[in-house]
């Protein structure tokens, strides 16, 4: 079963971490990624750009309309996501609990119910 593991944040939150802590934080995340890539349970890990770089796309009257920034009603936004393939929800929860970010903020784990990539 595949799962989406999501980390939320914002630039203000990341700027609050002292610069000297970043190398250790990145090393922890890198170790996490390597561990679960080796088991085959981490299919991909993706860090997103700041919300200021996002675009919102709508179709208005059949024509695309593109505006700057995401549609946000909260201060935080999805900052990173991880695609897991685990034998059970219990295993996915174990991995989510080991995510370094989970020591600071909650992370979300969503089951993926449909995988269109298998239809390609």
C-alpha atoms as a PDB file:
ATOM      1  CA  UNK A   1       0.000   0.000   0.000  1.00  0.00           C
ATOM      2  CA  UNK A   2       1.274   3.451  -0.847  1.00  0.00           C
ATOM      3  CA  UNK A   3       1.186   6.405   1.537  1.00  0.00           C
ATOM      4  CA  UNK A   4       1.832  10.119   1.252  1.00  0.00           C
ATOM      5  CA  UNK A   5       3.812  11.572   4.168  1.00  0.00           C
ATOM      6  CA  UNK A   6       3.558  15.377   4.326  1.00  0.00           C
ATOM      7  CA  UNK A   7       5.502  18.024   6.210  1.00  0.00           C
ATOM      8  CA  UNK A   8       4.024  21.502   6.653  1.00  0.00           C
ATOM      9  CA  UNK A   9       5.818  24.738   7.413  1.00  0.00           C
ATOM     10  CA  UNK A  10       6.567  28.253   6.280  1.00  0.00           C
ATOM     11  CA  UNK A  11       9.588  30.455   5.734  1.00  0.00           C
ATOM     12  CA  UNK A  12       9.167  32.167   9.110  1.00  0.00           C
ATOM     13  CA  UNK A  13       9.399  28.806  10.881  1.00  0.00           C
ATOM     14  CA  UNK A  14      12.553  27.777   8.994  1.00  0.00           C
ATOM     15  CA  UNK A  15      14.164  31.167   9.536  1.00  0.00           C
ATOM     16  CA  UNK A  16      13.675  30.657  13.295  1.00  0.00           C
ATOM     17  CA  UNK A  17      16.168  27.761  13.316  1.00  0.00           C
ATOM     18  CA  UNK A  18      19.723  28.947  14.001  1.00  0.00           C
ATOM     19  CA  UNK A  19      21.930  28.656  10.917  1.00  0.00           C
ATOM     20  CA  UNK A  20      24.415  26.445  12.754  1.00  0.00           C
ATOM     21  CA  UNK A  21      21.660  23.814  13.328  1.00  0.00           C
ATOM     22  CA  UNK A  22      20.876  23.335   9.626  1.00  0.00           C
ATOM     23  CA  UNK A  23      23.779  20.968   8.787  1.00  0.00           C
ATOM     24  CA  UNK A  24      22.744  18.555  11.564  1.00  0.00           C
ATOM     25  CA  UNK A  25      19.073  18.753  10.538  1.00  0.00           C
ATOM     26  CA  UNK A  26      19.932  18.043   6.915  1.00  0.00           C
ATOM     27  CA  UNK A  27      22.180  15.141   7.944  1.00  0.00           C
ATOM     28  CA  UNK A  28      19.328  13.623   9.990  1.00  0.00           C
ATOM     29  CA  UNK A  29      16.944  13.896   7.057  1.00  0.00           C
ATOM     30  CA  UNK A  30      19.521  12.462   4.665  1.00  0.00           C
ATOM     31  CA  UNK A  31      20.056   9.464   6.983  1.00  0.00           C
ATOM     32  CA  UNK A  32      16.274   8.913   7.161  1.00  0.00           C
ATOM     33  CA  UNK A  33      16.010   9.053   3.354  1.00  0.00           C
ATOM     34  CA  UNK A  34      18.909   6.622   2.837  1.00  0.00           C
ATOM     35  CA  UNK A  35      17.569   4.152   5.421  1.00  0.00           C
ATOM     36  CA  UNK A  36      14.134   3.871   3.851  1.00  0.00           C
ATOM     37  CA  UNK A  37      15.378   3.980   0.257  1.00  0.00           C
ATOM     38  CA  UNK A  38      17.524   0.958   1.162  1.00  0.00           C
ATOM     39  CA  UNK A  39      14.460  -0.941   2.426  1.00  0.00           C
ATOM     40  CA  UNK A  40      12.515  -0.020  -0.715  1.00  0.00           C
ATOM     41  CA  UNK A  41       9.813   1.671   1.357  1.00  0.00           C
ATOM     42  CA  UNK A  42      10.730   5.244   0.330  1.00  0.00           C
ATOM     43  CA  UNK A  43       9.801   5.702  -3.307  1.00  0.00           C
ATOM     44  CA  UNK A  44      10.522   9.433  -3.434  1.00  0.00           C
ATOM     45  CA  UNK A  45      11.185  12.492  -1.266  1.00  0.00           C
ATOM     46  CA  UNK A  46      10.419  15.950  -2.571  1.00  0.00           C
ATOM     47  CA  UNK A  47      11.050  19.361  -1.033  1.00  0.00           C
ATOM     48  CA  UNK A  48       8.879  22.131  -2.413  1.00  0.00           C
ATOM     49  CA  UNK A  49       9.854  25.731  -3.140  1.00  0.00           C
ATOM     50  CA  UNK A  50       8.582  28.563  -0.976  1.00  0.00           C
ATOM     51  CA  UNK A  51       4.888  29.390  -1.414  1.00  0.00           C
ATOM     52  CA  UNK A  52       5.872  32.632  -3.161  1.00  0.00           C
ATOM     53  CA  UNK A  53       7.100  30.540  -6.118  1.00  0.00           C
ATOM     54  CA  UNK A  54       3.850  28.564  -6.488  1.00  0.00           C
ATOM     55  CA  UNK A  55       1.248  29.223  -9.178  1.00  0.00           C
ATOM     56  CA  UNK A  56      -2.505  28.753  -9.031  1.00  0.00           C
ATOM     57  CA  UNK A  57      -4.096  27.487 -12.243  1.00  0.00           C
ATOM     58  CA  UNK A  58      -7.801  27.681 -13.004  1.00  0.00           C
ATOM     59  CA  UNK A  59      -9.796  27.216 -16.141  1.00  0.00           C
ATOM     60  CA  UNK A  60     -12.140  30.138 -16.652  1.00  0.00           C
ATOM     61  CA  UNK A  61     -14.479  29.818 -19.607  1.00  0.00           C
ATOM     62  CA  UNK A  62     -12.238  27.163 -21.122  1.00  0.00           C
ATOM     63  CA  UNK A  63      -9.097  29.327 -21.011  1.00  0.00           C
ATOM     64  CA  UNK A  64      -6.397  28.790 -18.395  1.00  0.00           C
ATOM     65  CA  UNK A  65      -5.924  31.536 -15.818  1.00  0.00           C
ATOM     66  CA  UNK A  66      -2.628  31.529 -13.915  1.00  0.00           C
ATOM     67  CA  UNK A  67      -1.994  33.652 -10.823  1.00  0.00           C
ATOM     68  CA  UNK A  68       0.924  33.906  -8.431  1.00  0.00           C
ATOM     69  CA  UNK A  69       0.985  31.985  -5.185  1.00  0.00           C
ATOM     70  CA  UNK A  70      -1.075  29.108  -3.900  1.00  0.00           C
ATOM     71  CA  UNK A  71      -4.572  29.365  -2.527  1.00  0.00           C
ATOM     72  CA  UNK A  72      -3.761  29.429   1.182  1.00  0.00           C
ATOM     73  CA  UNK A  73      -6.095  30.042   4.072  1.00  0.00           C
ATOM     74  CA  UNK A  74      -3.488  29.091   6.652  1.00  0.00           C
ATOM     75  CA  UNK A  75      -0.070  30.376   7.552  1.00  0.00           C
ATOM     76  CA  UNK A  76       1.590  27.045   6.825  1.00  0.00           C
ATOM     77  CA  UNK A  77       1.678  25.099   3.588  1.00  0.00           C
ATOM     78  CA  UNK A  78       2.903  21.732   2.369  1.00  0.00           C
ATOM     79  CA  UNK A  79       6.677  22.051   2.271  1.00  0.00           C
ATOM     80  CA  UNK A  80       7.796  18.488   1.546  1.00  0.00           C
ATOM     81  CA  UNK A  81       6.218  15.197   0.684  1.00  0.00           C
ATOM     82  CA  UNK A  82       7.394  11.613   0.703  1.00  0.00           C
ATOM     83  CA  UNK A  83       5.952   8.679  -1.166  1.00  0.00           C
ATOM     84  CA  UNK A  84       6.080   5.432   0.809  1.00  0.00           C
ATOM     85  CA  UNK A  85       5.250   1.864  -0.178  1.00  0.00           C
ATOM     86  CA  UNK A  86       4.692  -0.216   2.965  1.00  0.00           C
ATOM     87  CA  UNK A  87       3.253  -3.594   3.781  1.00  0.00           C
ATOM     88  CA  UNK A  88       0.798  -2.086   6.287  1.00  0.00           C
ATOM     89  CA  UNK A  89      -0.494   1.139   7.781  1.00  0.00           C
ATOM     90  CA  UNK A  90       1.257   0.201  11.016  1.00  0.00           C
ATOM     91  CA  UNK A  91       4.605   0.144   9.202  1.00  0.00           C
ATOM     92  CA  UNK A  92       3.866   3.485   7.487  1.00  0.00           C
ATOM     93  CA  UNK A  93       3.074   5.001  10.897  1.00  0.00           C
ATOM     94  CA  UNK A  94       6.361   3.657  12.295  1.00  0.00           C
ATOM     95  CA  UNK A  95       8.255   5.345   9.464  1.00  0.00           C
ATOM     96  CA  UNK A  96       6.294   8.592   9.880  1.00  0.00           C
ATOM     97  CA  UNK A  97       7.164   8.636  13.589  1.00  0.00           C
ATOM     98  CA  UNK A  98      10.882   8.368  12.701  1.00  0.00           C
ATOM     99  CA  UNK A  99      10.693  11.356  10.335  1.00  0.00           C
ATOM    100  CA  UNK A 100      13.062  13.946  11.861  1.00  0.00           C
ATOM    101  CA  UNK A 101      10.452  16.690  11.389  1.00  0.00           C
ATOM    102  CA  UNK A 102       8.008  14.740  13.587  1.00  0.00           C
ATOM    103  CA  UNK A 103      10.173  15.643  16.599  1.00  0.00           C
ATOM    104  CA  UNK A 104       9.325  19.313  16.017  1.00  0.00           C
ATOM    105  CA  UNK A 105       5.912  19.371  14.304  1.00  0.00           C
ATOM    106  CA  UNK A 106       3.226  16.852  13.392  1.00  0.00           C
ATOM    107  CA  UNK A 107       3.505  15.195   9.996  1.00  0.00           C
ATOM    108  CA  UNK A 108       0.521  13.870   8.047  1.00  0.00           C
ATOM    109  CA  UNK A 109       0.196  10.372   6.650  1.00  0.00           C
ATOM    110  CA  UNK A 110      -2.415   9.729   3.987  1.00  0.00           C
ATOM    111  CA  UNK A 111      -3.208   6.373   2.354  1.00  0.00           C
ATOM    112  CA  UNK A 112      -3.148   6.551  -1.448  1.00  0.00           C
ATOM    113  CA  UNK A 113      -6.291   4.891  -2.706  1.00  0.00           C
ATOM    114  CA  UNK A 114      -5.653   5.079  -6.439  1.00  0.00           C
ATOM    115  CA  UNK A 115      -2.340   4.900  -8.268  1.00  0.00           C
ATOM    116  CA  UNK A 116      -2.753   6.067 -11.864  1.00  0.00           C
ATOM    117  CA  UNK A 117       0.933   5.405 -12.566  1.00  0.00           C
ATOM    118  CA  UNK A 118       0.182   1.692 -12.639  1.00  0.00           C
ATOM    119  CA  UNK A 119      -2.326   2.360 -15.450  1.00  0.00           C
ATOM    120  CA  UNK A 120       0.304   3.949 -17.727  1.00  0.00           C
END
